[in-house]
Amino acid sequence: MSKPIESCHIGVGLRIRIIREALDMTQGDLAKRVGLTRVSVTNIEIGRQRLLLHTVEQFAKALGTTPKNLLKGIWL
């Protein structure tokens, strides 16, 4: 039985996707910048794959933002 997707993971994944698309960056481009596969980026963006803290920092740097901005407002 798989664990349910938590809203915080969906929220940060959505924010990553929004910023990535605003930068006209593909999932493959972002994957190369953070050292993951495109499938992992896809899963992170839909909240299926959880992010580790150091990965949040890598995503923020690759997207030209801060970890604080990526995580802002995701916990309700």
N, C-alpha and C. Protein backbone atom coordinates (compact mmCIF):
# COMPACT_ATOMS: atom_id res chain seq x y z
N MET A 1 0.84 -1.18 0.00
CA MET A 1 0.00 0.00 0.00
C MET A 1 0.89 1.24 0.00
N SER A 2 0.68 2.14 -0.95
CA SER A 2 1.51 3.34 -1.04
C SER A 2 0.99 4.42 -0.10
N LYS A 3 1.90 5.30 0.29
CA LYS A 3 1.53 6.40 1.17
C LYS A 3 0.78 7.46 0.38
N PRO A 4 -0.18 8.13 1.01
CA PRO A 4 -0.89 9.19 0.30
C PRO A 4 0.03 10.37 0.01
N ILE A 5 -0.27 11.07 -1.07
CA ILE A 5 0.51 12.25 -1.43
C ILE A 5 0.13 13.37 -0.47
N GLU A 6 1.11 13.98 0.16
CA GLU A 6 0.86 15.06 1.11
C GLU A 6 0.76 16.39 0.38
N SER A 7 -0.09 17.26 0.87
CA SER A 7 -0.34 18.54 0.20
C SER A 7 0.93 19.40 0.12
N CYS A 8 1.84 19.29 1.08
CA CYS A 8 3.06 20.09 1.01
C CYS A 8 3.92 19.69 -0.19
N HIS A 9 3.94 18.40 -0.53
CA HIS A 9 4.71 17.94 -1.68
C HIS A 9 4.05 18.37 -2.99
N ILE A 10 2.74 18.36 -3.02
CA ILE A 10 2.02 18.85 -4.19
C ILE A 10 2.28 20.34 -4.36
N GLY A 11 2.26 21.09 -3.26
CA GLY A 11 2.47 22.53 -3.31
C GLY A 11 3.84 22.93 -3.82
N VAL A 12 4.88 22.31 -3.30
CA VAL A 12 6.23 22.66 -3.75
C VAL A 12 6.45 22.19 -5.18
N GLY A 13 5.89 21.05 -5.55
CA GLY A 13 6.00 20.58 -6.93
C GLY A 13 5.33 21.53 -7.91
N LEU A 14 4.19 22.03 -7.53
CA LEU A 14 3.47 22.99 -8.38
C LEU A 14 4.27 24.27 -8.53
N ARG A 15 4.85 24.76 -7.43
CA ARG A 15 5.66 25.98 -7.50
C ARG A 15 6.88 25.76 -8.40
N ILE A 16 7.51 24.60 -8.30
CA ILE A 16 8.66 24.29 -9.17
C ILE A 16 8.22 24.32 -10.63
N ARG A 17 7.09 23.68 -10.93
CA ARG A 17 6.62 23.65 -12.31
C ARG A 17 6.29 25.04 -12.84
N ILE A 18 5.63 25.86 -12.03
CA ILE A 18 5.26 27.21 -12.46
C ILE A 18 6.51 28.03 -12.78
N ILE A 19 7.51 27.96 -11.90
CA ILE A 19 8.74 28.73 -12.12
C ILE A 19 9.48 28.19 -13.34
N ARG A 20 9.56 26.87 -13.45
CA ARG A 20 10.25 26.25 -14.59
C ARG A 20 9.62 26.67 -15.91
N GLU A 21 8.30 26.62 -15.96
CA GLU A 21 7.61 27.00 -17.19
C GLU A 21 7.76 28.49 -17.49
N ALA A 22 7.76 29.33 -16.45
CA ALA A 22 7.96 30.77 -16.66
C ALA A 22 9.33 31.06 -17.24
N LEU A 23 10.30 30.20 -16.93
CA LEU A 23 11.66 30.34 -17.45
C LEU A 23 11.82 29.66 -18.80
N ASP A 24 10.72 29.10 -19.33
CA ASP A 24 10.74 28.37 -20.60
C ASP A 24 11.77 27.25 -20.58
N MET A 25 11.79 26.52 -19.47
CA MET A 25 12.73 25.44 -19.25
C MET A 25 11.97 24.11 -19.31
N THR A 26 12.54 23.12 -19.97
CA THR A 26 11.91 21.80 -20.02
C THR A 26 12.23 21.04 -18.74
N GLN A 27 11.47 19.98 -18.52
CA GLN A 27 11.77 19.11 -17.38
C GLN A 27 13.15 18.48 -17.54
N GLY A 28 13.52 18.17 -18.76
CA GLY A 28 14.85 17.61 -19.03
C GLY A 28 15.95 18.60 -18.70
N ASP A 29 15.75 19.87 -19.06
CA ASP A 29 16.73 20.91 -18.73
C ASP A 29 16.92 21.01 -17.22
N LEU A 30 15.80 21.06 -16.50
CA LEU A 30 15.86 21.17 -15.04
C LEU A 30 16.51 19.93 -14.43
N ALA A 31 16.17 18.77 -14.95
CA ALA A 31 16.75 17.52 -14.45
C ALA A 31 18.27 17.54 -14.55
N LYS A 32 18.79 18.02 -15.69
CA LYS A 32 20.25 18.10 -15.85
C LYS A 32 20.87 19.05 -14.83
N ARG A 33 20.20 20.16 -14.58
CA ARG A 33 20.74 21.15 -13.64
C ARG A 33 20.78 20.66 -12.21
N VAL A 34 19.84 19.78 -11.83
CA VAL A 34 19.80 19.30 -10.45
C VAL A 34 20.35 17.89 -10.29
N GLY A 35 20.74 17.25 -11.40
CA GLY A 35 21.34 15.92 -11.33
C GLY A 35 20.35 14.79 -11.09
N LEU A 36 19.12 14.96 -11.60
CA LEU A 36 18.11 13.91 -11.50
C LEU A 36 17.65 13.53 -12.90
N THR A 37 16.81 12.52 -12.99
CA THR A 37 16.22 12.16 -14.27
C THR A 37 15.00 13.02 -14.54
N ARG A 38 14.60 13.08 -15.80
CA ARG A 38 13.40 13.83 -16.16
C ARG A 38 12.17 13.22 -15.48
N VAL A 39 12.15 11.90 -15.36
CA VAL A 39 11.03 11.23 -14.70
C VAL A 39 10.94 11.66 -13.23
N SER A 40 12.08 11.81 -12.56
CA SER A 40 12.08 12.29 -11.18
C SER A 40 11.52 13.70 -11.09
N VAL A 41 11.91 14.57 -12.02
CA VAL A 41 11.38 15.94 -12.02
C VAL A 41 9.87 15.91 -12.22
N THR A 42 9.40 15.08 -13.15
CA THR A 42 7.96 14.93 -13.38
C THR A 42 7.26 14.51 -12.10
N ASN A 43 7.80 13.50 -11.43
CA ASN A 43 7.19 12.99 -10.19
C ASN A 43 7.22 14.02 -9.08
N ILE A 44 8.28 14.80 -8.99
CA ILE A 44 8.37 15.86 -7.98
C ILE A 44 7.33 16.93 -8.27
N GLU A 45 7.18 17.30 -9.53
CA GLU A 45 6.22 18.35 -9.89
C GLU A 45 4.77 17.96 -9.60
N ILE A 46 4.46 16.67 -9.65
CA ILE A 46 3.09 16.26 -9.33
C ILE A 46 2.94 15.79 -7.88
N GLY A 47 4.02 15.88 -7.12
CA GLY A 47 3.95 15.54 -5.70
C GLY A 47 4.09 14.08 -5.38
N ARG A 48 4.38 13.26 -6.37
CA ARG A 48 4.52 11.82 -6.16
C ARG A 48 5.86 11.46 -5.51
N GLN A 49 6.88 12.26 -5.77
CA GLN A 49 8.21 12.01 -5.22
C GLN A 49 8.55 13.13 -4.25
N ARG A 50 8.98 12.76 -3.07
CA ARG A 50 9.32 13.74 -2.04
C ARG A 50 10.70 14.32 -2.27
N LEU A 51 10.85 15.57 -1.86
CA LEU A 51 12.13 16.26 -1.98
C LEU A 51 12.89 16.18 -0.66
N LEU A 52 14.17 15.92 -0.73
CA LEU A 52 15.03 16.02 0.44
C LEU A 52 15.46 17.48 0.58
N LEU A 53 15.85 17.87 1.77
CA LEU A 53 16.18 19.28 2.00
C LEU A 53 17.28 19.79 1.09
N HIS A 54 18.33 19.01 0.90
CA HIS A 54 19.41 19.48 0.02
C HIS A 54 18.94 19.59 -1.42
N THR A 55 17.95 18.79 -1.80
CA THR A 55 17.41 18.86 -3.15
C THR A 55 16.61 20.14 -3.36
N VAL A 56 15.91 20.59 -2.32
CA VAL A 56 15.18 21.85 -2.42
C VAL A 56 16.15 22.98 -2.76
N GLU A 57 17.30 22.97 -2.12
CA GLU A 57 18.31 24.00 -2.39
C GLU A 57 18.81 23.89 -3.83
N GLN A 58 19.02 22.68 -4.33
CA GLN A 58 19.48 22.49 -5.71
C GLN A 58 18.44 22.99 -6.71
N PHE A 59 17.17 22.69 -6.45
CA PHE A 59 16.09 23.17 -7.33
C PHE A 59 16.02 24.69 -7.31
N ALA A 60 16.11 25.27 -6.13
CA ALA A 60 16.04 26.74 -6.02
C ALA A 60 17.16 27.38 -6.82
N LYS A 61 18.37 26.88 -6.67
CA LYS A 61 19.51 27.44 -7.40
C LYS A 61 19.32 27.28 -8.91
N ALA A 62 18.86 26.12 -9.35
CA ALA A 62 18.65 25.86 -10.77
C ALA A 62 17.57 26.76 -11.37
N LEU A 63 16.61 27.17 -10.53
CA LEU A 63 15.51 28.00 -10.98
C LEU A 63 15.74 29.49 -10.71
N GLY A 64 16.90 29.81 -10.14
CA GLY A 64 17.23 31.21 -9.88
C GLY A 64 16.40 31.83 -8.78
N THR A 65 16.06 31.03 -7.79
CA THR A 65 15.27 31.54 -6.66
C THR A 65 15.88 31.01 -5.36
N THR A 66 15.16 31.12 -4.28
CA THR A 66 15.65 30.67 -2.98
C THR A 66 14.81 29.50 -2.47
N PRO A 67 15.38 28.69 -1.58
CA PRO A 67 14.57 27.64 -0.97
C PRO A 67 13.34 28.22 -0.25
N LYS A 68 13.52 29.36 0.38
CA LYS A 68 12.40 30.00 1.08
C LYS A 68 11.26 30.29 0.12
N ASN A 69 11.57 30.77 -1.08
CA ASN A 69 10.53 31.06 -2.06
C ASN A 69 9.84 29.78 -2.53
N LEU A 70 10.58 28.70 -2.72
CA LEU A 70 9.97 27.44 -3.14
C LEU A 70 9.03 26.88 -2.08
N LEU A 71 9.38 27.07 -0.82
CA LEU A 71 8.61 26.47 0.27
C LEU A 71 7.55 27.41 0.85
N LYS A 72 7.57 28.66 0.43
CA LYS A 72 6.66 29.66 0.98
C LYS A 72 5.19 29.28 0.78
N GLY A 73 4.47 29.21 1.88
CA GLY A 73 3.03 28.99 1.85
C GLY A 73 2.55 27.60 1.51
N ILE A 74 3.43 26.60 1.54
CA ILE A 74 2.96 25.27 1.15
C ILE A 74 2.32 24.49 2.29
N TRP A 75 2.56 24.91 3.53
CA TRP A 75 1.91 24.26 4.65
C TRP A 75 0.69 25.06 5.05
N LEU A 76 -0.43 24.39 5.09
CA LEU A 76 -1.68 25.07 5.44
C LEU A 76 -2.04 24.83 6.88
